[in-house]
Amino acid sequence: MAVRYKNLDGSGPHPLGTVFKWAVGDKLAGRRRRSPERAAVRRVEPDLTVLATPPAPGEGVRLTWLGHASWLVQLDGVSLLIDPALRDTITGFIRRNVAPGVPLEKLPPIAATLVSHNHYDHLDMPTVLRVGAPVITGLGVARYFRHGAPPATELDWWGSTKVGPVTVHFVPSQHWSRRSLNDANETLWGGFVVEGSSARVYHSGDTAYFDGFKEIGQRFPGLDAAMLPIGAYDPGWFMEKQHMNPEQAVQAYEDLGARRFLAMHWGTFKLTDEPLDEPPQRLDAEWNRRQLPREPLHVLAVGESLTVRHDTARQG
C-alpha cells in the first residue's frame, strides 16, 4: 500500500470532487472571477557574464528570479536551481506569460536542482532532464528519476544534505502532491533552507499559510531572505488550503523572522482566477498597511538578481 503523506495539521489534498466543482462546475455556472489570460510583467536581461561565476565563500548569495517559483541560487562557488520550469508551456497547454529570466541554454553549470514537490509547475521534467544536474527533493519523488535520469537524493522534513560546501535542508510546507489521478500524497512536499558561509535563505515551495513558518524561523534563525509565493489564491474557498494570498505571505515573512521578503509564484502562469498582475499590488498595500520598512521588500523583475550577505543586499 502506498504511503500517504499528510500536512503537519493532518490535512491532505482536496477531494477530486472539490477540484471538479471549481474547475468545471463553477466555471459553467459563471461563479468564477474572470480576468485576462495575459498581463504586463517586468523582465530584465540578466548579465550572463556575472551569472557565470557564483559568489565565492564569504561573498553572500546571489538570488535570480527566473519566473514563477524558479530561482537560480548561487553561493560559495555553487550554482543551484530551485523548481525550474523554463519551457514555453507547462502540462503542454498552460503558456508562459513572460519569458524565463535565463533561458535553459544560457544557464551556468548547475551543481544540483532542488525540487519542492511533484506538481507540474514545480517539477517540469523536461527542464530538469535537460539541466541534467543531480536532484534534491522530498521522499518518494525519486521514482520520477529513473532510466538514465539524474540521480535523486530524497529528504524527509528537517533532513539535510550537502552540495559541495553548501547545506540544503528540506523543511515542511502546507500543501499536497499529485502527478496523476491515483497518486495523491504518495510523495512528500516541502520547502528548502539553503545555507552557506555567509548567507542563509529560504524557499517555501508551494504552501498555504500555516504555523510551521514559526518553527522554521526558530530552527533557522537569522534567515537573510525568504522567497515566498504571493499568487494563485483566488477563489479563497478553494485555494487557501494550498496557496497563500499576499496578505498571508507578509504574515509568513514576519513569522519566519527573515530579513528580506522576495516575492515569487506570480505573473508567469495563469493558474487561478485573479489577474496575473494583482498579487504585487495587494502585497504593496498590505506592506503599507502594516507600516513595515520598505527596504526589506523585493518584488524583482523576471531575470533580476539580488545579492544578500547577512545584513547587506545589492540588486542587479
Protein backbone atom coordinates (compact mmCIF):
# COMPACT_ATOMS: atom_id res chain seq x y z
CA MET A 1 0.00 0.00 0.00
CA ALA A 2 1.37 3.43 -0.96
CA VAL A 3 2.48 5.83 1.76
CA ARG A 4 0.10 8.75 2.12
CA TYR A 5 1.80 11.83 3.48
CA LYS A 6 -0.07 14.48 5.43
CA ASN A 7 0.49 18.08 6.46
CA LEU A 8 1.56 18.94 9.98
CA ASP A 9 -2.10 19.58 10.84
CA GLY A 10 -3.14 16.19 9.42
CA SER A 11 -4.75 17.55 6.26
CA GLY A 12 -4.40 16.11 2.78
CA PRO A 13 -5.34 17.13 -0.77
CA HIS A 14 -8.71 18.42 -1.90
CA PRO A 15 -11.05 15.61 -2.96
CA LEU A 16 -11.32 15.38 -6.74
CA GLY A 17 -14.98 16.40 -6.46
CA THR A 18 -13.92 19.74 -4.99
CA VAL A 19 -11.41 20.25 -7.78
CA PHE A 20 -14.15 19.49 -10.33
CA LYS A 21 -16.53 21.95 -8.66
CA TRP A 22 -14.02 24.79 -9.04
CA ALA A 23 -12.54 23.86 -12.41
CA VAL A 24 -15.77 22.90 -14.19
CA GLY A 25 -18.92 23.43 -12.13
CA ASP A 26 -18.26 26.99 -11.02
CA LYS A 27 -16.97 27.93 -14.46
CA LEU A 28 -20.09 26.66 -16.22
CA ALA A 29 -22.28 28.38 -13.63
CA GLY A 30 -20.49 31.71 -14.11
CA ARG A 31 -19.39 31.85 -10.46
CA ARG A 32 -15.67 32.17 -11.16
CA ARG A 33 -13.96 35.53 -11.29
CA ARG A 34 -12.92 36.43 -14.81
CA SER A 35 -9.56 38.01 -15.57
CA PRO A 36 -7.30 38.29 -18.63
CA GLU A 37 -5.02 35.43 -19.58
CA ARG A 38 -2.09 37.82 -20.05
CA ALA A 39 -0.60 40.82 -18.23
CA ALA A 40 2.47 43.02 -18.42
CA VAL A 41 5.13 41.69 -16.04
CA ARG A 42 8.51 43.35 -15.80
CA ARG A 43 11.50 41.43 -17.17
CA VAL A 44 15.15 42.47 -17.47
CA GLU A 45 18.00 40.93 -19.40
CA PRO A 46 20.38 39.32 -16.91
CA ASP A 47 24.12 39.85 -17.06
CA LEU A 48 25.15 36.35 -18.11
CA THR A 49 28.81 37.15 -17.60
CA VAL A 50 28.13 37.88 -13.93
CA LEU A 51 25.89 34.83 -13.51
CA ALA A 52 28.58 32.59 -14.97
CA THR A 53 30.59 32.90 -11.71
CA PRO A 54 28.86 32.20 -8.38
CA PRO A 55 29.88 34.31 -5.38
CA ALA A 56 32.91 32.92 -3.56
CA PRO A 57 32.79 31.86 0.10
CA GLY A 58 32.15 34.89 2.28
CA GLU A 59 30.58 36.89 -0.56
CA GLY A 60 26.95 36.02 0.25
CA VAL A 61 24.30 34.56 -2.05
CA ARG A 62 23.04 35.79 -5.40
CA LEU A 63 19.32 35.15 -6.00
CA THR A 64 17.99 35.45 -9.56
CA TRP A 65 14.26 35.14 -10.21
CA LEU A 66 13.60 33.06 -13.32
CA GLY A 67 9.79 33.41 -13.09
CA HIS A 68 7.08 31.57 -11.13
CA ALA A 69 8.80 29.60 -8.31
CA SER A 70 12.02 29.12 -10.31
CA TRP A 71 15.25 30.58 -8.92
CA LEU A 72 18.95 30.46 -9.63
CA VAL A 73 20.66 30.44 -6.22
CA GLN A 74 24.44 30.97 -6.23
CA LEU A 75 26.77 30.94 -3.24
CA ASP A 76 30.15 29.60 -2.11
CA GLY A 77 31.14 28.79 -5.69
CA VAL A 78 27.99 26.68 -6.27
CA SER A 79 25.01 27.28 -8.59
CA LEU A 80 21.67 25.69 -7.64
CA LEU A 81 18.30 25.71 -9.38
CA ILE A 82 15.07 25.59 -7.40
CA ASP A 83 11.85 24.39 -9.05
CA PRO A 84 12.96 25.23 -12.59
CA ALA A 85 10.10 25.39 -15.12
CA LEU A 86 11.74 27.16 -18.03
CA ARG A 87 9.88 25.96 -21.12
CA ASP A 88 7.21 27.85 -23.05
CA THR A 89 4.42 25.76 -21.50
CA ILE A 90 3.64 23.51 -18.56
CA THR A 91 1.40 20.46 -18.92
CA GLY A 92 1.51 21.11 -22.66
CA PHE A 93 -1.15 23.84 -22.74
CA ILE A 94 -0.58 26.45 -20.00
CA ARG A 95 1.61 29.04 -21.72
CA ARG A 96 4.11 31.37 -20.11
CA ASN A 97 3.06 34.97 -19.69
CA VAL A 98 6.69 36.17 -19.59
CA ALA A 99 9.90 34.56 -20.86
CA PRO A 100 12.17 32.90 -18.28
CA GLY A 101 14.75 35.10 -16.62
CA VAL A 102 17.56 32.94 -18.01
CA PRO A 103 16.88 30.59 -20.92
CA LEU A 104 17.77 26.95 -20.38
CA GLU A 105 20.65 27.02 -22.83
CA LYS A 106 22.24 30.04 -21.11
CA LEU A 107 22.27 28.77 -17.53
CA PRO A 108 25.66 28.45 -15.82
CA PRO A 109 26.79 24.93 -14.80
CA ILE A 110 24.34 23.69 -12.18
CA ALA A 111 25.57 21.63 -9.22
CA ALA A 112 22.10 20.48 -8.09
CA THR A 113 18.41 21.01 -8.88
CA LEU A 114 16.10 21.34 -5.87
CA VAL A 115 12.50 20.19 -6.45
CA SER A 116 9.96 21.10 -3.77
CA HIS A 117 7.22 18.70 -4.91
CA ASN A 118 5.82 16.86 -7.90
CA HIS A 119 3.28 19.33 -9.33
CA TYR A 120 3.97 20.12 -12.96
CA ASP A 121 4.70 23.81 -12.44
CA HIS A 122 7.44 22.91 -9.94
CA LEU A 123 8.69 19.61 -11.32
CA ASP A 124 8.90 20.28 -15.05
CA MET A 125 10.58 17.07 -16.07
CA PRO A 126 11.87 18.20 -19.50
CA THR A 127 13.57 21.19 -17.85
CA VAL A 128 15.12 19.08 -15.09
CA LEU A 129 16.33 16.40 -17.52
CA ARG A 130 17.86 18.95 -19.84
CA VAL A 131 19.72 20.63 -16.97
CA GLY A 132 20.99 17.17 -16.04
CA ALA A 133 22.16 18.04 -12.53
CA PRO A 134 21.61 15.77 -9.50
CA VAL A 135 18.23 16.35 -7.86
CA ILE A 136 17.40 17.02 -4.20
CA THR A 137 13.75 16.53 -3.30
CA GLY A 138 11.23 15.03 -0.88
CA LEU A 139 10.55 11.41 -0.02
CA GLY A 140 9.14 9.34 -2.88
CA VAL A 141 9.95 11.78 -5.69
CA ALA A 142 12.99 9.81 -6.87
CA ARG A 143 10.55 7.46 -8.67
CA TYR A 144 10.43 10.02 -11.48
CA PHE A 145 14.21 9.97 -11.97
CA ARG A 146 14.97 6.57 -13.44
CA HIS A 147 16.21 5.15 -16.75
CA GLY A 148 19.11 7.50 -17.34
CA ALA A 149 17.70 10.50 -15.44
CA PRO A 150 19.91 12.41 -12.99
CA PRO A 151 20.40 10.81 -9.56
CA ALA A 152 17.98 11.99 -6.89
CA THR A 153 18.53 12.43 -3.15
CA GLU A 154 15.32 12.18 -1.12
CA LEU A 155 14.89 14.04 2.16
CA ASP A 156 12.28 13.88 4.91
CA TRP A 157 11.20 17.09 6.59
CA TRP A 158 14.13 18.53 8.56
CA GLY A 159 16.57 16.33 6.65
CA SER A 160 19.75 17.79 5.17
CA THR A 161 22.38 17.09 2.54
CA LYS A 162 25.50 18.79 1.18
CA VAL A 163 26.24 20.23 -2.26
CA GLY A 164 29.94 20.96 -2.00
CA PRO A 165 30.30 23.46 0.86
CA VAL A 166 26.58 24.34 0.80
CA THR A 167 24.00 22.68 3.07
CA VAL A 168 20.46 22.11 1.80
CA HIS A 169 17.70 21.48 4.37
CA PHE A 170 14.22 20.21 3.43
CA VAL A 171 11.51 21.79 5.58
CA PRO A 172 7.72 21.40 5.87
CA SER A 173 5.11 23.26 3.85
CA GLN A 174 1.31 23.18 3.87
CA HIS A 175 0.44 21.61 0.54
CA TRP A 176 -0.09 18.22 -1.15
CA SER A 177 1.20 16.15 -4.05
CA ARG A 178 -0.30 14.54 -7.11
CA ARG A 179 1.00 13.85 -10.61
CA SER A 180 -1.76 11.55 -11.85
CA LEU A 181 -5.29 10.59 -10.81
CA ASN A 182 -4.28 7.82 -8.42
CA ASP A 183 -1.12 9.00 -6.64
CA ALA A 184 -2.37 11.73 -4.27
CA ASN A 185 0.10 12.38 -1.43
CA GLU A 186 2.33 9.42 -2.28
CA THR A 187 5.33 11.77 -2.38
CA LEU A 188 6.41 14.41 0.11
CA TRP A 189 6.26 18.18 -0.49
CA GLY A 190 8.19 20.92 1.26
CA GLY A 191 10.48 23.93 1.07
CA PHE A 192 14.22 24.50 1.33
CA VAL A 193 16.68 26.34 3.52
CA VAL A 194 19.96 26.83 1.67
CA GLU A 195 22.90 27.64 3.91
CA GLY A 196 26.39 28.79 3.01
CA SER A 197 29.33 30.51 4.66
CA SER A 198 27.81 33.99 4.70
CA ALA A 199 24.09 33.66 3.94
CA ARG A 200 21.07 31.52 4.77
CA VAL A 201 17.94 31.72 2.58
CA TYR A 202 14.52 30.06 2.50
CA HIS A 203 12.37 28.97 -0.45
CA SER A 204 8.89 27.90 0.65
CA GLY A 205 7.88 25.78 -2.33
CA ASP A 206 4.10 25.79 -2.72
CA THR A 207 2.38 26.42 0.58
CA ALA A 208 -0.66 27.75 2.33
CA TYR A 209 -0.20 29.83 5.46
CA PHE A 210 0.48 27.54 8.44
CA ASP A 211 2.02 27.52 11.90
CA GLY A 212 5.12 25.80 10.50
CA PHE A 213 6.62 29.13 9.46
CA LYS A 214 7.28 29.94 13.11
CA GLU A 215 9.06 26.62 13.67
CA ILE A 216 11.18 27.08 10.54
CA GLY A 217 12.19 30.51 11.79
CA GLN A 218 13.06 29.09 15.20
CA ARG A 219 15.14 26.24 13.77
CA PHE A 220 16.90 28.51 11.28
CA PRO A 221 17.22 31.90 12.96
CA GLY A 222 18.57 34.84 11.03
CA LEU A 223 17.25 33.94 7.58
CA ASP A 224 18.73 36.52 5.23
CA ALA A 225 15.93 36.19 2.68
CA ALA A 226 12.61 34.40 2.30
CA MET A 227 11.35 33.58 -1.21
CA LEU A 228 7.59 33.48 -0.66
CA PRO A 229 4.62 32.88 -3.02
CA ILE A 230 2.08 35.66 -3.44
CA GLY A 231 -0.09 34.36 -6.31
CA ALA A 232 -2.58 31.59 -7.22
CA TYR A 233 -5.04 32.37 -4.40
CA ASP A 234 -8.44 33.07 -5.99
CA PRO A 235 -11.03 31.76 -5.12
CA GLY A 236 -10.04 31.67 -1.47
CA TRP A 237 -12.52 28.93 -0.53
CA PHE A 238 -10.59 26.53 -2.76
CA MET A 239 -7.02 27.86 -2.78
CA GLU A 240 -6.40 28.92 0.82
CA LYS A 241 -5.63 25.35 1.93
CA GLN A 242 -2.77 25.11 -0.58
CA HIS A 243 -1.58 28.63 -1.54
CA MET A 244 -1.09 31.90 0.33
CA ASN A 245 -2.54 35.23 -0.69
CA PRO A 246 -0.25 38.31 -0.44
CA GLU A 247 -1.52 39.30 3.00
CA GLN A 248 -0.80 35.83 4.38
CA ALA A 249 2.63 35.87 2.77
CA VAL A 250 3.51 39.02 4.72
CA GLN A 251 2.45 37.27 7.93
CA ALA A 252 4.60 34.27 6.98
CA TYR A 253 7.57 36.61 6.48
CA GLU A 254 7.08 38.02 9.95
CA ASP A 255 6.66 34.55 11.47
CA LEU A 256 9.92 33.43 9.86
CA GLY A 257 11.82 36.41 11.22
CA ALA A 258 13.52 36.79 7.84
CA ARG A 259 15.47 39.92 6.97
CA ARG A 260 14.12 40.23 3.43
CA PHE A 261 11.00 39.28 1.51
CA LEU A 262 11.35 38.17 -2.13
CA ALA A 263 8.06 37.68 -3.98
CA MET A 264 7.54 34.70 -6.29
CA HIS A 265 4.83 32.42 -7.76
CA TRP A 266 3.00 35.18 -9.59
CA GLY A 267 2.80 36.66 -13.09
CA THR A 268 4.20 33.69 -15.02
CA PHE A 269 1.46 31.08 -15.45
CA LYS A 270 -2.31 31.71 -15.30
CA LEU A 271 -3.27 29.02 -12.78
CA THR A 272 -6.14 30.61 -10.84
CA ASP A 273 -8.75 33.34 -11.17
CA GLU A 274 -7.04 36.55 -10.03
CA PRO A 275 -5.38 38.83 -12.62
CA LEU A 276 -1.74 37.94 -13.20
CA ASP A 277 -0.57 41.38 -12.09
CA GLU A 278 -2.78 41.73 -8.99
CA PRO A 279 -0.59 39.94 -6.39
CA PRO A 280 2.18 42.59 -6.12
CA GLN A 281 -0.45 45.34 -5.82
CA ARG A 282 -2.05 43.59 -2.86
CA LEU A 283 1.38 42.86 -1.41
CA ASP A 284 2.31 46.54 -1.57
CA ALA A 285 -0.97 47.57 0.03
CA GLU A 286 -0.53 45.12 2.90
CA TRP A 287 3.07 46.19 3.43
CA ASN A 288 1.92 49.80 3.72
CA ARG A 289 -1.00 48.87 5.97
CA ARG A 290 1.40 47.25 8.43
CA GLN A 291 3.76 50.24 8.14
CA LEU A 292 6.74 47.98 7.50
CA PRO A 293 10.05 49.47 6.32
CA ARG A 294 10.37 49.39 2.52
CA GLU A 295 13.99 48.28 2.25
CA PRO A 296 13.40 44.55 3.01
CA LEU A 297 10.65 44.15 0.36
CA HIS A 298 11.81 42.95 -3.08
CA VAL A 299 9.45 42.35 -5.99
CA LEU A 300 12.14 41.53 -8.53
CA ALA A 301 11.69 41.69 -12.26
CA VAL A 302 12.00 38.35 -14.01
CA GLY A 303 15.72 37.98 -14.71
CA GLU A 304 16.73 40.38 -11.91
CA SER A 305 19.22 39.39 -9.19
CA LEU A 306 19.62 40.29 -5.54
CA THR A 307 22.89 39.62 -3.72
CA VAL A 308 22.49 39.08 0.02
CA ARG A 309 25.24 38.83 2.58
CA HIS A 310 23.87 38.67 6.09
CA ASP A 311 22.78 42.27 6.75
CA THR A 312 23.55 43.69 3.31
CA ALA A 313 21.80 43.46 -0.04
CA ARG A 314 22.57 44.64 -3.55
CA GLN A 315 20.28 44.46 -6.57
CA GLY A 316 21.46 43.96 -10.13
